[in-house]
N, C-alpha and C. Protein backbone atom coordinates (compact mmCIF):
# COMPACT_ATOMS: atom_id res chain seq x y z
N MET A 1 15.95 49.56 -11.96
CA MET A 1 16.51 48.34 -12.45
C MET A 1 16.10 47.77 -12.47
N ALA A 2 16.75 47.16 -13.52
CA ALA A 2 16.50 46.03 -14.87
C ALA A 2 16.96 44.43 -14.55
N THR A 3 15.94 43.96 -15.01
CA THR A 3 16.37 42.39 -13.90
C THR A 3 16.45 41.31 -15.61
N SER A 4 17.21 40.59 -15.18
CA SER A 4 17.30 39.69 -16.31
C SER A 4 16.16 38.72 -16.90
N ALA A 5 16.37 37.95 -17.91
CA ALA A 5 15.13 37.33 -18.15
C ALA A 5 15.54 36.31 -18.66
N SER A 6 14.61 34.91 -19.39
CA SER A 6 15.12 34.09 -20.07
C SER A 6 14.15 33.43 -20.79
N ARG A 7 14.08 32.95 -22.05
CA ARG A 7 13.54 32.73 -22.55
C ARG A 7 12.94 31.29 -22.60
N VAL A 8 11.31 30.83 -22.20
CA VAL A 8 10.90 29.96 -21.99
C VAL A 8 9.99 29.15 -23.26
N ASN A 9 9.46 28.09 -23.20
CA ASN A 9 8.38 27.29 -23.76
C ASN A 9 7.67 27.11 -22.94
N PHE A 10 6.20 27.38 -22.84
CA PHE A 10 5.11 26.42 -22.36
C PHE A 10 3.93 26.07 -23.42
N MET A 11 3.97 25.35 -22.85
CA MET A 11 2.52 24.49 -23.55
C MET A 11 1.17 24.96 -22.90
N PHE A 12 0.04 25.45 -23.57
CA PHE A 12 -0.77 26.29 -22.73
C PHE A 12 -2.22 25.39 -23.47
N PRO A 13 -3.26 25.10 -22.45
CA PRO A 13 -4.59 24.29 -23.60
C PRO A 13 -5.00 25.68 -24.39
N ASP A 14 -5.23 24.92 -25.17
CA ASP A 14 -6.03 26.31 -26.44
C ASP A 14 -6.89 27.19 -25.82
N ASP A 15 -7.72 26.96 -24.75
CA ASP A 15 -9.16 27.68 -23.85
C ASP A 15 -8.30 28.82 -23.46
N VAL A 16 -7.15 28.41 -22.73
CA VAL A 16 -6.28 29.80 -21.73
C VAL A 16 -5.74 30.10 -23.26
N LEU A 17 -4.85 29.85 -23.95
CA LEU A 17 -4.69 30.47 -25.09
C LEU A 17 -5.15 31.63 -25.52
N ASP A 18 -6.64 31.04 -26.00
CA ASP A 18 -7.10 32.26 -26.93
C ASP A 18 -7.64 33.09 -25.68
N GLU A 19 -7.87 33.15 -24.49
CA GLU A 19 -8.52 33.78 -23.72
C GLU A 19 -7.03 34.73 -23.68
N LEU A 20 -6.70 34.13 -23.69
CA LEU A 20 -4.58 34.94 -23.47
C LEU A 20 -4.71 36.22 -24.59
N ARG A 21 -4.80 35.70 -25.36
CA ARG A 21 -4.65 36.34 -26.97
C ARG A 21 -5.99 37.16 -26.95
N ARG A 22 -7.07 37.06 -26.54
CA ARG A 22 -8.25 38.01 -26.83
C ARG A 22 -8.04 39.07 -25.34
N THR A 23 -7.30 38.55 -24.39
CA THR A 23 -7.52 39.42 -23.22
C THR A 23 -6.18 40.58 -22.70
N ILE A 24 -5.51 39.71 -23.69
CA ILE A 24 -3.84 40.69 -23.22
C ILE A 24 -3.11 41.23 -24.10
N PRO A 25 -2.93 42.67 -24.45
CA PRO A 25 -1.85 42.83 -25.95
C PRO A 25 -1.00 41.81 -26.07
N GLU A 26 -0.53 41.81 -27.08
CA GLU A 26 0.57 41.54 -27.52
C GLU A 26 1.75 41.60 -27.43
N ARG A 27 1.98 42.49 -26.85
CA ARG A 27 3.43 42.68 -26.21
C ARG A 27 3.60 42.99 -24.80
N LYS A 28 2.34 42.72 -24.03
CA LYS A 28 2.71 42.81 -22.66
C LYS A 28 1.86 41.36 -22.16
N ARG A 29 1.76 39.82 -23.04
CA ARG A 29 1.65 38.88 -22.23
C ARG A 29 2.55 38.26 -21.51
N SER A 30 3.97 38.36 -22.26
CA SER A 30 4.88 37.83 -20.90
C SER A 30 4.96 38.56 -19.65
N ALA A 31 4.80 39.23 -19.67
CA ALA A 31 4.97 40.48 -18.45
C ALA A 31 3.27 39.85 -17.57
N PHE A 32 2.09 39.63 -18.33
CA PHE A 32 1.22 39.08 -17.67
C PHE A 32 1.46 37.81 -17.12
N VAL A 33 2.15 36.56 -17.87
CA VAL A 33 2.23 35.54 -17.40
C VAL A 33 2.98 35.33 -16.32
N ALA A 34 4.12 36.39 -16.55
CA ALA A 34 5.00 36.08 -15.61
C ALA A 34 5.02 37.11 -13.78
N GLU A 35 3.98 37.92 -14.26
CA GLU A 35 3.28 38.38 -12.84
C GLU A 35 2.24 37.24 -12.54
N ALA A 36 2.13 36.19 -13.45
CA ALA A 36 0.42 35.48 -12.63
C ALA A 36 1.49 34.37 -11.86
N THR A 37 2.43 33.78 -12.56
CA THR A 37 3.28 32.78 -12.05
C THR A 37 3.79 33.51 -10.96
N ARG A 38 4.53 34.57 -10.77
CA ARG A 38 4.72 35.15 -9.20
C ARG A 38 3.46 35.08 -8.24
N MET A 39 2.52 35.41 -8.29
CA MET A 39 1.41 35.50 -8.08
C MET A 39 1.13 34.30 -7.25
N LYS A 40 1.14 33.19 -8.06
CA LYS A 40 0.50 31.81 -7.83
C LYS A 40 1.85 30.98 -6.97
N LEU A 41 2.95 31.06 -7.44
CA LEU A 41 4.07 30.94 -6.44
C LEU A 41 3.72 31.44 -5.10
N LEU A 42 3.59 32.69 -5.07
CA LEU A 42 3.60 33.16 -3.74
C LEU A 42 2.17 32.69 -2.64
N ALA A 43 1.32 32.69 -3.37
CA ALA A 43 0.09 32.05 -3.27
C ALA A 43 0.56 30.24 -2.48
N LEU A 44 1.92 29.32 -2.91
CA LEU A 44 2.03 28.07 -2.70
C LEU A 44 2.83 28.40 -1.52
N LYS A 45 3.82 29.47 -1.43
CA LYS A 45 4.32 29.91 -0.35
C LYS A 45 3.62 30.14 0.85
N GLN A 46 3.02 30.84 0.87
CA GLN A 46 1.86 30.98 1.76
C GLN A 46 1.14 29.86 2.34
N LYS A 47 0.66 28.76 1.25
CA LYS A 47 -0.30 27.74 1.43
C LYS A 47 0.31 27.01 2.44
N GLU A 48 2.49 26.91 2.46
CA GLU A 48 2.97 26.00 3.11
C GLU A 48 3.24 25.99 4.35
N VAL A 49 3.47 27.88 4.30
CA VAL A 49 3.37 28.18 5.60
C VAL A 49 2.22 28.24 6.54
N LEU A 50 1.23 28.06 6.03
CA LEU A 50 -0.05 27.97 6.77
C LEU A 50 0.16 26.62 7.52
N ALA A 51 0.67 25.52 6.42
CA ALA A 51 0.39 24.04 6.98
C ALA A 51 1.45 23.98 7.89
N ARG A 52 2.60 24.32 7.74
CA ARG A 52 3.56 24.32 9.00
C ARG A 52 3.24 24.82 10.21
N THR A 53 2.82 25.90 10.06
CA THR A 53 2.41 26.75 11.45
C THR A 53 0.72 26.41 11.94
N ALA A 54 0.20 25.41 11.10
CA ALA A 54 -0.91 25.17 11.81
C ALA A 54 -1.11 24.46 13.47
N GLY A 55 -1.78 24.62 13.83
CA GLY A 55 -1.93 24.53 15.49
C GLY A 55 -1.21 25.71 16.76
N ALA A 56 -0.46 26.18 15.74
CA ALA A 56 0.49 27.29 16.34
C ALA A 56 -0.56 28.20 17.50
N TRP A 57 -1.87 28.42 16.78
CA TRP A 57 -2.46 29.54 17.79
C TRP A 57 -3.63 28.45 18.36
N SER A 58 -3.63 28.57 19.87
CA SER A 58 -4.45 27.33 20.04
C SER A 58 -6.01 28.09 21.33
N ASP A 59 -6.96 27.95 21.34
CA ASP A 59 -7.69 28.90 21.91
C ASP A 59 -7.76 28.80 23.32
N GLU A 60 -6.79 27.63 24.38
CA GLU A 60 -6.49 27.41 25.02
C GLU A 60 -5.29 28.42 26.05
N ASP A 61 -4.33 28.66 24.65
CA ASP A 61 -4.08 29.49 25.00
C ASP A 61 -4.32 31.23 24.77
N TYR A 62 -5.44 31.29 23.76
CA TYR A 62 -5.77 33.02 24.00
C TYR A 62 -7.22 32.54 23.71
N GLY A 63 -7.65 31.83 24.84
CA GLY A 63 -9.05 32.23 25.12
C GLY A 63 -9.99 33.54 25.34
N ASP A 64 -9.22 34.41 25.79
CA ASP A 64 -9.45 35.72 25.36
C ASP A 64 -9.82 36.34 24.07
N LEU A 65 -9.36 35.94 23.71
CA LEU A 65 -9.48 36.36 21.77
C LEU A 65 -10.44 35.20 21.06
N SER A 66 -11.19 34.76 21.37
CA SER A 66 -12.00 33.92 20.97
C SER A 66 -13.07 34.48 19.86
N THR A 67 -13.58 35.27 19.94
CA THR A 67 -14.55 36.37 19.57
C THR A 67 -14.38 37.23 18.59
N ASP A 68 -15.20 37.54 17.72
CA ASP A 68 -14.36 38.56 16.54
C ASP A 68 -14.51 39.57 17.79
N ALA A 69 -15.77 40.30 18.16
CA ALA A 69 -15.77 41.60 19.59
C ALA A 69 -14.23 41.19 20.29
N ASP A 70 -13.62 40.40 20.66
CA ASP A 70 -12.68 40.03 21.49
C ASP A 70 -11.29 40.47 20.37
N MET A 71 -11.09 39.95 19.55
CA MET A 71 -10.53 40.62 17.94
C MET A 71 -10.32 42.05 17.97
N THR A 72 -12.02 42.79 17.74
CA THR A 72 -11.48 43.85 17.73
C THR A 72 -11.43 44.71 18.66
N ARG A 73 -11.69 44.51 20.14
CA ARG A 73 -11.24 44.59 21.23
C ARG A 73 -9.58 45.17 21.30
N TYR A 74 -9.20 43.60 21.17
CA TYR A 74 -7.84 43.93 21.26
C TYR A 74 -6.51 44.55 20.16
N ARG A 75 -7.52 44.94 18.87
CA ARG A 75 -6.71 45.50 17.85
C ARG A 75 -6.86 46.93 18.46
N ALA A 76 -8.26 47.80 18.78
CA ALA A 76 -7.85 48.87 19.59
C ALA A 76 -7.16 48.89 20.48
N LYS A 77 -6.62 48.34 21.45
CA LYS A 77 -6.04 48.73 22.61
C LYS A 77 -4.87 48.49 22.17
N ARG A 78 -4.55 47.32 21.04
CA ARG A 78 -2.90 47.57 20.46
C ARG A 78 -3.05 48.77 19.63
N ASP A 79 -3.56 49.40 18.77
CA ASP A 79 -3.26 50.36 18.03
C ASP A 79 -3.68 51.78 18.83
N ALA A 80 -4.17 51.83 20.00
CA ALA A 80 -3.87 53.20 20.92
C ALA A 80 -2.55 52.40 21.24
N ASP A 81 -1.92 51.45 22.09
CA ASP A 81 -0.76 51.45 22.52
C ASP A 81 0.83 52.13 21.60
N TRP A 82 0.02 51.48 20.63
CA TRP A 82 1.10 51.92 18.98
C TRP A 82 0.82 53.83 19.17
N ASN A 83 -0.13 54.05 18.90
CA ASN A 83 -0.52 55.69 18.72
C ASN A 83 0.21 56.51 19.91
N ARG A 84 0.03 56.13 21.30
CA ARG A 84 0.56 56.03 22.18
C ARG A 84 2.30 56.20 22.38
N GLU A 85 2.59 55.31 22.11
CA GLU A 85 4.45 55.31 21.95
C GLU A 85 4.97 56.13 20.95
N SER A 86 4.10 56.03 19.54
CA SER A 86 4.73 56.71 18.79
C SER A 86 4.43 58.58 18.80
N LEU A 87 3.53 58.59 19.88
CA LEU A 87 3.79 60.44 20.16
C LEU A 87 4.78 60.16 21.29
N LYS A 88 4.55 59.61 22.29
CA LYS A 88 6.25 59.34 23.19
C LYS A 88 7.26 59.70 21.94
N VAL A 89 7.61 59.01 21.00
CA VAL A 89 9.08 59.09 20.29
C VAL A 89 8.88 60.27 19.44
N ALA A 90 7.77 60.79 19.47
CA ALA A 90 7.35 62.06 18.36
C ALA A 90 8.23 63.05 19.37
N GLU A 91 7.41 63.28 20.37
CA GLU A 91 7.62 64.42 21.31
C GLU A 91 9.04 64.30 22.25
N ALA A 92 9.78 62.98 22.28
CA ALA A 92 11.38 63.25 22.63
C ALA A 92 12.04 63.75 21.42
N GLU A 93 11.56 63.32 19.63
CA GLU A 93 12.34 63.86 18.79
C GLU A 93 12.60 65.48 18.85
N ALA A 94 10.63 66.09 19.44
CA ALA A 94 10.73 66.93 18.96
C ALA A 94 11.86 68.51 19.89
N THR A 95 12.36 67.28 21.40
CA THR A 95 13.02 68.57 21.88
C THR A 95 14.79 68.47 21.37
N PHE A 96 14.80 67.79 20.63
CA PHE A 96 16.23 67.83 19.85
C PHE A 96 16.19 69.45 19.31
N ASP A 97 17.35 70.10 19.25
CA ASP A 97 17.56 70.67 18.07
C ASP A 97 18.37 70.22 16.92
N VAL A 98 17.84 69.96 16.36
CA VAL A 98 17.89 69.39 14.60
C VAL A 98 18.43 70.68 13.60
N SER A 99 18.66 72.20 14.12
CA SER A 99 18.76 73.42 13.28
C SER A 99 20.52 73.09 12.58
N PRO A 100 20.82 73.47 11.45
CA PRO A 100 22.11 73.57 11.28
C PRO A 100 22.86 74.43 12.07
N ARG A 101 24.25 73.97 12.49
CA ARG A 101 25.37 74.99 13.61
C ARG A 101 25.42 76.20 12.33
N GLN A 102 25.22 77.46 13.57
CA GLN A 102 25.76 78.50 12.30
C GLN A 102 27.39 78.82 12.50
């Protein structure tokens, strides 16, 4: 899928531009800068979400998950539950005849 692109001009500090020119081949610099910008924008969005959701998890609400060992135990149980449920779904699907009709 092709994406559209627009031409823009930016000012870079000399040291950053020199490093970019030394490190990234000439015909790959735009893609590099675009990807770096995407990553930085994503990091900013994640930081914003974290700021908005700060305090959503409280020790009072989840006192049983306060240590690394608690979290490891929780994840192991969650994964076992998921695997058990997935197996049930797979077994149920196996009972259906999906062969082409003759």
